[in-house]
Amino acid sequence: MLDIAEENYGALIHRVYSAGLDRDRWSEVLSDLSTLIGRSWIALHGHDMARNVNLGFLTHNYSPDHHASYLQHFAARNPWNTRAARVPVGSVIHSQILLEPGVLKRTEFYNDWIRPQEDIGTGAGVTLFRDRERFLRLSCNIRFRDLEHMEARLLGLLKAVGPHVQASFQLSRRLAGARIGQHYQDALQLVPEAVLLLDSTGRITFANAAAEQLLENTTAVATADGRLALPDQSAQQAIEAALAAITRRTVGPGAPITIRTGTTPLVAELFPFVSDETPVEPPLLLLLDGLPTAIMLLRRSTSPLGDALAGAAERFGWSPAETALCQHLLEGGSVRSFSERRSVSFHTARNQMRSVLEKAGVQRQSALVALVASLGSH
């Protein structure tokens, strides 16, 4: 159980999504994390492994001198980087699993950079983004002498907040760095991706130009009384469930939702929308219809498996949650990472996996993926 007051955790998650819409607020997120963890050093850092260069280093509690020396010299000598580059996105990994303390303490990086900073050679981190050459991580370092009494809180907080930080970063990345503040409508018009803002009832409160064009050219997304009314009932239910979860703040970000069409499917992703004009507390949000609650990014599927997945869901009678799990597996995820991203227990996700396999008439995940792929080849 997370040993943090509910109001403090709620304020942190609110700030995380604020940072996704206003990059200047990431420093506040790092400060909040450090306060909740205790005496800790926090960094949001990227690295290019091909060139062995740092791609950005936002920190809290590091001195200006140590910050500068990392960028100038020690980023290229950080022994954790080669191991962090292979960590799955979203997985919270203890630093001592990445690199044994005995190995770390024999490096220049430890003796000349870590040890002078109160011996902050342990902690944990979570990978927010990774491709073949680059990664972005949120790292939390603590002193070796604090490990015993701080480890549980550190790992618990990172596991709870990690999916939200990952989703907020993806939102910021998809919005091309547009700063969404008081005049968010003007900023969203500049975003090339289709963006809809929804209130707590599913009513569309704003659609940028790209979204309006997409809505005009498809019958897959209809509106009734200003609210989303999808012919694809499975997608409608999934969107309503995601919107309700965002409003209540009961779960983390969900998987992308496939909206079936006659041709190329659409893919919807929902994130909490936080701006200076939205109330902070969920009870207010429930009473004030018309204020944006969620931001929906809408795009045409580029995956050849999109139609196959939609067809398989209809053919085998998968629920929205089971379909989302199958999609997660098709995208290279696991049952474990699905449970973490959806903030459901691994036991629940495993039961959903059993149901998916039984309905499809297969026994293994690999056979399931092959089956859906074969449906897309016809």
Protein backbone atom coordinates (compact mmCIF):
# COMPACT_ATOMS: atom_id res chain seq x y z
CA MET A 1 0.00 0.00 0.00
CA LEU A 2 1.32 3.46 -0.91
CA ASP A 3 2.39 5.23 2.27
CA ILE A 4 1.39 8.73 1.14
CA ALA A 5 -1.59 10.89 2.06
CA GLU A 6 -4.27 10.72 -0.62
CA GLU A 7 -4.41 14.50 -1.05
CA ASN A 8 -0.62 14.68 -1.55
CA TYR A 9 -0.69 11.91 -4.13
CA GLY A 10 -3.62 13.55 -5.91
CA ALA A 11 -1.80 16.88 -6.04
CA LEU A 12 1.27 15.15 -7.49
CA ILE A 13 -0.74 13.44 -10.26
CA HIS A 14 -2.45 16.75 -11.06
CA ARG A 15 0.97 18.38 -11.41
CA VAL A 16 2.26 15.51 -13.57
CA TYR A 17 -0.47 16.09 -16.16
CA SER A 18 -0.03 19.85 -15.88
CA ALA A 19 3.59 19.29 -16.91
CA GLY A 20 2.45 17.35 -19.96
CA LEU A 21 0.68 20.49 -21.14
CA ASP A 22 3.28 22.97 -19.86
CA ARG A 23 6.86 21.72 -19.89
CA ASP A 24 8.02 24.40 -17.46
CA ARG A 25 6.21 22.49 -14.71
CA TRP A 26 8.39 19.37 -14.84
CA SER A 27 10.70 21.01 -12.29
CA GLU A 28 7.76 21.21 -9.91
CA VAL A 29 7.03 17.50 -10.44
CA LEU A 30 10.61 16.59 -9.52
CA SER A 31 10.43 18.78 -6.43
CA ASP A 32 7.14 17.17 -5.34
CA LEU A 33 8.58 13.68 -5.84
CA SER A 34 11.60 14.51 -3.73
CA THR A 35 9.40 15.88 -0.96
CA LEU A 36 7.20 12.74 -0.90
CA ILE A 37 10.12 10.31 -1.06
CA GLY A 38 12.30 12.09 1.49
CA ARG A 39 15.97 13.02 1.10
CA SER A 40 16.49 12.21 -2.58
CA TRP A 41 18.06 13.43 -5.80
CA ILE A 42 15.74 13.36 -8.81
CA ALA A 43 16.58 13.59 -12.51
CA LEU A 44 14.65 13.54 -15.77
CA HIS A 45 17.34 12.67 -18.27
CA GLY A 46 17.75 11.46 -21.84
CA HIS A 47 20.69 9.79 -23.53
CA ASP A 48 21.71 8.93 -27.09
CA MET A 49 23.57 5.63 -26.90
CA ALA A 50 24.86 5.76 -30.48
CA ARG A 51 26.66 9.06 -29.85
CA ASN A 52 27.04 8.54 -26.08
CA VAL A 53 25.78 12.03 -25.34
CA ASN A 54 23.21 13.44 -22.95
CA LEU A 55 19.96 14.71 -24.49
CA GLY A 56 18.73 16.72 -21.53
CA PHE A 57 19.18 16.77 -17.78
CA LEU A 58 16.49 18.29 -15.58
CA THR A 59 17.27 17.76 -11.90
CA HIS A 60 16.24 18.48 -8.33
CA ASN A 61 18.69 18.62 -5.37
CA TYR A 62 21.82 18.30 -7.49
CA SER A 63 24.18 21.22 -7.00
CA PRO A 64 24.84 23.49 -10.02
CA ASP A 65 28.45 22.26 -10.10
CA HIS A 66 27.49 18.59 -10.19
CA HIS A 67 24.77 19.30 -12.75
CA ALA A 68 27.30 21.02 -15.01
CA SER A 69 29.98 18.36 -14.56
CA TYR A 70 27.51 15.64 -15.54
CA LEU A 71 26.71 17.40 -18.81
CA GLN A 72 30.35 18.20 -19.54
CA HIS A 73 31.99 14.92 -18.61
CA PHE A 74 30.16 12.28 -16.59
CA ALA A 75 27.14 11.62 -18.85
CA ALA A 76 29.43 9.71 -21.20
CA ARG A 77 30.81 7.72 -18.25
CA ASN A 78 27.59 6.81 -16.52
CA PRO A 79 27.70 2.98 -16.25
CA TRP A 80 23.96 2.78 -15.62
CA ASN A 81 23.18 4.08 -19.13
CA THR A 82 24.10 0.94 -21.09
CA ARG A 83 21.85 -1.12 -18.84
CA ALA A 84 19.03 1.42 -18.67
CA ALA A 85 18.95 1.44 -22.49
CA ARG A 86 17.60 -2.13 -22.41
CA VAL A 87 14.93 -1.65 -19.73
CA PRO A 88 11.30 -1.99 -20.94
CA VAL A 89 9.33 1.24 -21.03
CA GLY A 90 7.24 1.67 -17.89
CA SER A 91 9.17 -0.83 -15.74
CA VAL A 92 10.38 0.44 -12.36
CA ILE A 93 13.85 -1.03 -11.82
CA HIS A 94 15.99 -0.82 -8.68
CA SER A 95 19.39 0.67 -9.50
CA GLN A 96 21.16 -2.24 -7.78
CA ILE A 97 19.48 -4.63 -10.22
CA LEU A 98 20.81 -2.60 -13.14
CA LEU A 99 24.31 -2.47 -11.69
CA GLU A 100 25.69 -4.23 -8.64
CA PRO A 101 27.07 -1.81 -6.02
CA GLY A 102 30.43 -3.59 -6.04
CA VAL A 103 30.79 -2.97 -9.79
CA LEU A 104 29.54 0.61 -9.49
CA LYS A 105 32.05 1.48 -6.75
CA ARG A 106 34.97 0.60 -8.99
CA THR A 107 34.04 3.24 -11.59
CA GLU A 108 35.20 6.80 -12.05
CA PHE A 109 31.55 7.82 -12.18
CA TYR A 110 30.99 6.64 -8.62
CA ASN A 111 34.21 7.82 -7.04
CA ASP A 112 34.34 11.26 -8.65
CA TRP A 113 30.66 12.14 -9.09
CA ILE A 114 28.35 10.02 -6.91
CA ARG A 115 30.31 9.60 -3.68
CA PRO A 116 31.02 13.35 -3.26
CA GLN A 117 27.23 13.89 -3.31
CA GLU A 118 26.54 12.18 0.03
CA ASP A 119 27.11 8.75 -1.57
CA ILE A 120 23.83 8.71 -3.54
CA GLY A 121 24.62 5.43 -5.26
CA THR A 122 21.29 3.63 -4.96
CA GLY A 123 17.62 4.23 -5.78
CA ALA A 124 15.35 3.35 -8.68
CA GLY A 125 14.11 4.64 -12.02
CA VAL A 126 11.50 4.19 -14.72
CA THR A 127 11.98 4.46 -18.49
CA LEU A 128 9.49 6.83 -20.11
CA PHE A 129 10.57 6.50 -23.75
CA ARG A 130 12.95 4.31 -25.71
CA ASP A 131 13.84 3.66 -29.30
CA ARG A 132 16.83 1.94 -30.88
CA GLU A 133 19.31 4.65 -29.88
CA ARG A 134 17.71 6.94 -27.29
CA PHE A 135 15.92 6.73 -23.99
CA LEU A 136 14.35 9.06 -21.46
CA ARG A 137 14.27 8.10 -17.76
CA LEU A 138 13.03 9.40 -14.47
CA SER A 139 15.69 8.47 -11.91
CA CYS A 140 15.51 8.83 -8.12
CA ASN A 141 18.75 8.43 -6.20
CA ILE A 142 19.13 8.13 -2.44
CA ARG A 143 22.06 7.61 -0.06
CA PHE A 144 23.19 4.04 0.61
CA ARG A 145 22.64 4.59 4.33
CA ASP A 146 18.97 5.53 3.69
CA LEU A 147 18.11 2.52 1.58
CA GLU A 148 16.63 0.31 4.29
CA HIS A 149 14.04 2.79 5.55
CA MET A 150 13.30 4.56 2.24
CA GLU A 151 13.32 1.73 -0.31
CA ALA A 152 9.67 0.67 0.06
CA ARG A 153 8.34 4.21 -0.23
CA LEU A 154 10.58 5.02 -3.20
CA LEU A 155 9.61 1.91 -5.18
CA GLY A 156 5.93 2.20 -4.26
CA LEU A 157 5.71 5.83 -5.34
CA LEU A 158 7.53 5.25 -8.61
CA LYS A 159 5.30 2.29 -9.47
CA ALA A 160 2.19 4.36 -8.71
CA VAL A 161 3.22 7.54 -10.49
CA GLY A 162 5.28 5.99 -13.31
CA PRO A 163 2.37 5.26 -15.71
CA HIS A 164 1.09 8.82 -15.26
CA VAL A 165 4.51 10.36 -15.92
CA GLN A 166 4.91 8.16 -19.00
CA ALA A 167 1.47 9.15 -20.32
CA SER A 168 2.09 12.83 -19.61
CA PHE A 169 5.40 12.70 -21.49
CA GLN A 170 3.73 11.00 -24.46
CA LEU A 171 1.00 13.64 -24.43
CA SER A 172 3.58 16.43 -24.43
CA ARG A 173 5.49 14.72 -27.23
CA ARG A 174 2.37 14.21 -29.33
CA LEU A 175 1.38 17.86 -28.89
CA ALA A 176 4.75 18.80 -30.37
CA GLY A 177 5.73 20.75 -27.28
CA ALA A 178 2.81 23.17 -27.52
CA ARG A 179 2.34 24.92 -24.19
CA ILE A 180 -1.29 24.55 -23.16
CA GLY A 181 -2.14 27.16 -20.57
CA GLN A 182 -4.88 29.71 -20.21
CA HIS A 183 -5.31 30.11 -23.97
CA TYR A 184 -5.23 26.41 -24.74
CA GLN A 185 -7.59 26.61 -27.70
CA ASP A 186 -5.18 28.75 -29.72
CA ALA A 187 -2.32 26.40 -28.90
CA LEU A 188 -4.27 23.27 -29.82
CA GLN A 189 -5.13 24.73 -33.22
CA LEU A 190 -1.42 24.61 -34.02
CA VAL A 191 -1.14 20.90 -33.20
CA PRO A 192 -1.13 18.75 -36.37
CA GLU A 193 -2.85 15.81 -34.66
CA ALA A 194 -6.62 15.67 -34.21
CA VAL A 195 -7.44 16.84 -30.67
CA LEU A 196 -10.82 16.77 -28.91
CA LEU A 197 -11.57 18.05 -25.41
CA LEU A 198 -14.35 16.23 -23.55
CA ASP A 199 -16.22 17.15 -20.39
CA SER A 200 -17.10 14.62 -17.69
CA THR A 201 -20.27 13.56 -19.58
CA GLY A 202 -18.48 12.94 -22.90
CA ARG A 203 -19.63 16.20 -24.47
CA ILE A 204 -17.13 17.68 -26.95
CA THR A 205 -16.15 21.10 -25.62
CA PHE A 206 -13.49 21.79 -28.26
CA ALA A 207 -12.17 20.27 -31.49
CA ASN A 208 -9.15 21.65 -33.29
CA ALA A 209 -9.09 22.03 -37.07
CA ALA A 210 -7.49 18.61 -37.62
CA ALA A 211 -10.20 16.96 -35.52
CA GLU A 212 -13.01 18.75 -37.30
CA GLN A 213 -11.64 17.64 -40.65
CA LEU A 214 -11.35 14.05 -39.45
CA LEU A 215 -14.90 14.08 -38.09
CA GLU A 216 -16.24 15.42 -41.39
CA ASN A 217 -14.56 12.63 -43.35
CA THR A 218 -15.63 9.63 -41.30
CA THR A 219 -18.84 8.08 -40.05
CA ALA A 220 -16.97 6.19 -37.32
CA VAL A 221 -17.28 9.10 -34.87
CA ALA A 222 -20.74 10.59 -34.60
CA THR A 223 -22.17 13.02 -32.08
CA ALA A 224 -25.53 13.16 -30.36
CA ASP A 225 -26.41 16.30 -28.45
CA GLY A 226 -22.76 17.30 -28.63
CA ARG A 227 -21.57 14.03 -27.08
CA LEU A 228 -19.59 11.21 -28.63
CA ALA A 229 -21.92 8.54 -30.00
CA LEU A 230 -19.90 5.86 -31.76
CA PRO A 231 -21.52 3.19 -33.94
CA ASP A 232 -18.79 0.89 -32.59
CA GLN A 233 -20.34 0.04 -29.22
CA SER A 234 -17.22 -1.68 -27.91
CA ALA A 235 -15.19 1.47 -28.50
CA GLN A 236 -17.98 3.63 -27.06
CA GLN A 237 -17.96 1.62 -23.83
CA ALA A 238 -14.18 1.71 -23.61
CA ILE A 239 -14.12 5.50 -24.06
CA GLU A 240 -16.86 5.99 -21.47
CA ALA A 241 -14.97 3.79 -19.01
CA ALA A 242 -11.72 5.68 -19.64
CA LEU A 243 -13.47 9.03 -19.23
CA ALA A 244 -15.09 7.91 -15.97
CA ALA A 245 -11.73 6.71 -14.65
CA ILE A 246 -10.09 10.02 -15.55
CA THR A 247 -12.89 11.94 -13.85
CA ARG A 248 -12.60 9.86 -10.67
CA ARG A 249 -8.82 9.49 -10.90
CA THR A 250 -9.20 5.84 -9.99
CA VAL A 251 -6.81 4.26 -12.50
CA GLY A 252 -3.81 5.11 -14.59
CA PRO A 253 -3.82 5.83 -18.33
CA GLY A 254 -5.39 3.10 -20.41
CA ALA A 255 -4.36 1.49 -23.66
CA PRO A 256 -5.24 3.08 -27.02
CA ILE A 257 -8.82 2.36 -28.08
CA THR A 258 -9.49 1.08 -31.60
CA ILE A 259 -12.65 2.45 -33.25
CA ARG A 260 -13.80 0.09 -35.99
CA THR A 261 -14.66 1.54 -39.37
CA GLY A 262 -15.45 0.15 -42.78
CA THR A 263 -11.92 0.92 -43.94
CA THR A 264 -8.96 2.03 -41.82
CA PRO A 265 -9.71 1.95 -38.07
CA LEU A 266 -9.29 5.01 -35.89
CA VAL A 267 -7.28 4.98 -32.69
CA ALA A 268 -8.28 7.12 -29.70
CA GLU A 269 -6.12 7.92 -26.68
CA LEU A 270 -7.46 9.71 -23.61
CA PHE A 271 -5.47 11.68 -21.05
CA PRO A 272 -6.49 13.94 -18.16
CA PHE A 273 -6.73 17.58 -19.25
CA VAL A 274 -5.34 20.08 -16.76
CA SER A 275 -5.18 23.82 -17.34
CA ASP A 276 -5.56 27.03 -15.39
CA GLU A 277 -9.26 26.99 -16.29
CA THR A 278 -10.11 23.52 -14.99
CA PRO A 279 -10.94 22.80 -11.34
CA VAL A 280 -8.58 20.57 -9.44
CA GLU A 281 -10.88 18.49 -7.28
CA PRO A 282 -12.97 15.70 -8.89
CA PRO A 283 -16.18 16.58 -6.94
CA LEU A 284 -16.21 20.00 -8.59
CA LEU A 285 -15.56 18.42 -11.93
CA LEU A 286 -18.61 16.22 -11.56
CA LEU A 287 -20.83 19.22 -10.88
CA LEU A 288 -19.56 21.50 -13.60
CA ASP A 289 -20.45 20.05 -16.99
CA GLY A 290 -18.93 21.85 -19.93
CA LEU A 291 -15.45 22.23 -18.48
CA PRO A 292 -12.86 20.04 -20.24
CA THR A 293 -11.99 16.90 -18.30
CA ALA A 294 -10.08 14.81 -20.81
CA ILE A 295 -8.02 15.37 -23.91
CA MET A 296 -8.54 12.86 -26.70
CA LEU A 297 -6.01 12.34 -29.46
CA LEU A 298 -7.56 10.76 -32.53
CA ARG A 299 -5.71 9.29 -35.49
CA ARG A 300 -6.12 6.79 -38.27
CA SER A 301 -4.51 3.47 -37.49
CA THR A 302 -1.19 2.86 -39.20
CA SER A 303 -1.09 -0.75 -38.03
CA PRO A 304 -2.12 -3.45 -40.53
CA LEU A 305 -3.40 -5.38 -37.50
CA GLY A 306 -5.97 -2.72 -36.58
CA ASP A 307 -8.78 -4.19 -38.67
CA ALA A 308 -7.75 -7.70 -37.67
CA LEU A 309 -7.95 -6.86 -33.98
CA ALA A 310 -11.36 -5.24 -34.35
CA GLY A 311 -12.60 -8.23 -36.32
CA ALA A 312 -11.18 -10.66 -33.77
CA ALA A 313 -12.85 -8.80 -30.90
CA GLU A 314 -16.22 -9.07 -32.63
CA ARG A 315 -15.70 -12.69 -33.70
CA PHE A 316 -14.60 -13.96 -30.27
CA GLY A 317 -16.74 -11.69 -28.13
CA TRP A 318 -13.92 -10.01 -26.25
CA SER A 319 -14.85 -7.28 -23.78
CA PRO A 320 -13.26 -3.79 -24.19
CA ALA A 321 -10.72 -4.63 -21.46
CA GLU A 322 -9.86 -7.95 -23.14
CA THR A 323 -9.49 -6.24 -26.51
CA ALA A 324 -7.20 -3.63 -24.96
CA LEU A 325 -5.08 -6.41 -23.45
CA CYS A 326 -4.82 -8.17 -26.81
CA GLN A 327 -3.81 -4.90 -28.50
CA HIS A 328 -1.15 -4.36 -25.83
CA LEU A 329 0.27 -7.83 -26.58
CA LEU A 330 0.26 -7.14 -30.33
CA GLU A 331 2.27 -3.96 -29.66
CA GLY A 332 4.95 -5.99 -27.88
CA GLY A 333 3.72 -5.62 -24.31
CA SER A 334 3.17 -8.26 -21.66
CA VAL A 335 0.41 -9.11 -19.21
CA ARG A 336 2.59 -7.62 -16.46
CA SER A 337 3.16 -4.31 -18.25
CA PHE A 338 -0.56 -4.18 -19.15
CA SER A 339 -1.55 -4.53 -15.48
CA GLU A 340 0.89 -1.77 -14.52
CA ARG A 341 -0.27 0.58 -17.25
CA ARG A 342 -3.96 0.03 -16.45
CA SER A 343 -3.30 0.12 -12.69
CA VAL A 344 -5.07 -3.20 -12.16
CA SER A 345 -3.71 -6.15 -10.24
CA PHE A 346 -1.62 -8.70 -12.09
CA HIS A 347 -4.16 -11.33 -10.94
CA THR A 348 -6.97 -9.43 -12.73
CA ALA A 349 -4.92 -9.01 -15.92
CA ARG A 350 -3.98 -12.70 -15.87
CA ASN A 351 -7.64 -13.69 -15.57
CA GLN A 352 -8.44 -11.44 -18.53
CA MET A 353 -5.65 -13.17 -20.46
CA ARG A 354 -7.15 -16.59 -19.69
CA SER A 355 -10.56 -15.38 -20.90
CA VAL A 356 -9.07 -14.00 -24.14
CA LEU A 357 -7.31 -17.30 -24.86
CA GLU A 358 -10.37 -19.43 -24.04
CA LYS A 359 -12.69 -17.37 -26.25
CA ALA A 360 -10.19 -17.51 -29.12
CA GLY A 361 -9.64 -21.26 -28.67
CA VAL A 362 -5.86 -21.07 -28.25
CA GLN A 363 -3.58 -21.89 -25.32
CA ARG A 364 -0.60 -19.56 -25.64
CA GLN A 365 -0.06 -15.82 -26.12
CA SER A 366 2.17 -16.48 -29.13
CA ALA A 367 -0.63 -18.45 -30.76
CA LEU A 368 -3.07 -15.63 -30.04
CA VAL A 369 -0.83 -13.04 -31.70
CA ALA A 370 -0.35 -15.33 -34.71
CA LEU A 371 -4.10 -15.90 -34.94
CA VAL A 372 -4.92 -12.18 -35.00
CA ALA A 373 -2.13 -11.56 -37.51
CA SER A 374 -3.53 -14.27 -39.76
CA LEU A 375 -6.95 -12.61 -39.71
CA GLY A 376 -5.32 -9.43 -40.98
CA SER A 377 -3.70 -11.20 -43.91
CA HIS A 378 -6.99 -12.29 -45.52
